[in-house]
Amino acid sequence: MSMGIAARPPRAALLPPPSVPRSR
């Protein structure tokens, strides 16, 4: 299981880039 998670991109990648302001 660990291998599968490692293969996937980091949680940060899933979230929108910091450049884009949060839906405020």
C-alpha atoms as a PDB file:
ATOM      1  CA  MET A   1       0.000   0.000   0.000  1.00  0.00           C
ATOM      2  CA  SER A   2       2.795   2.415   0.910  1.00  0.00           C
ATOM      3  CA  MET A   3       4.236   2.024  -2.608  1.00  0.00           C
ATOM      4  CA  GLY A   4       0.908   3.006  -4.173  1.00  0.00           C
ATOM      5  CA  ILE A   5       0.646   6.131  -2.016  1.00  0.00           C
ATOM      6  CA  ALA A   6       4.267   7.083  -2.738  1.00  0.00           C
ATOM      7  CA  ALA A   7       3.635   6.726  -6.479  1.00  0.00           C
ATOM      8  CA  ARG A   8       0.785   9.236  -6.230  1.00  0.00           C
ATOM      9  CA  PRO A   9       1.587  12.978  -6.125  1.00  0.00           C
ATOM     10  CA  PRO A  10       1.867  14.690  -2.705  1.00  0.00           C
ATOM     11  CA  ARG A  11      -1.279  16.020  -1.026  1.00  0.00           C
ATOM     12  CA  ALA A  12      -0.112  19.539  -1.922  1.00  0.00           C
ATOM     13  CA  ALA A  13      -0.341  18.635  -5.621  1.00  0.00           C
ATOM     14  CA  LEU A  14      -4.022  17.740  -5.199  1.00  0.00           C
ATOM     15  CA  LEU A  15      -4.767  21.146  -3.670  1.00  0.00           C
ATOM     16  CA  PRO A  16      -4.836  24.259  -5.914  1.00  0.00           C
ATOM     17  CA  PRO A  17      -1.558  26.214  -6.299  1.00  0.00           C
ATOM     18  CA  PRO A  18      -0.866  28.937  -3.697  1.00  0.00           C
ATOM     19  CA  SER A  19      -0.950  31.462  -6.527  1.00  0.00           C
ATOM     20  CA  VAL A  20      -4.704  30.922  -6.869  1.00  0.00           C
ATOM     21  CA  PRO A  21      -6.561  32.635  -3.985  1.00  0.00           C
ATOM     22  CA  ARG A  22      -8.892  30.331  -2.037  1.00  0.00           C
ATOM     23  CA  SER A  23     -12.580  30.601  -2.952  1.00  0.00           C
ATOM     24  CA  ARG A  24     -13.013  33.491  -0.550  1.00  0.00           C
END
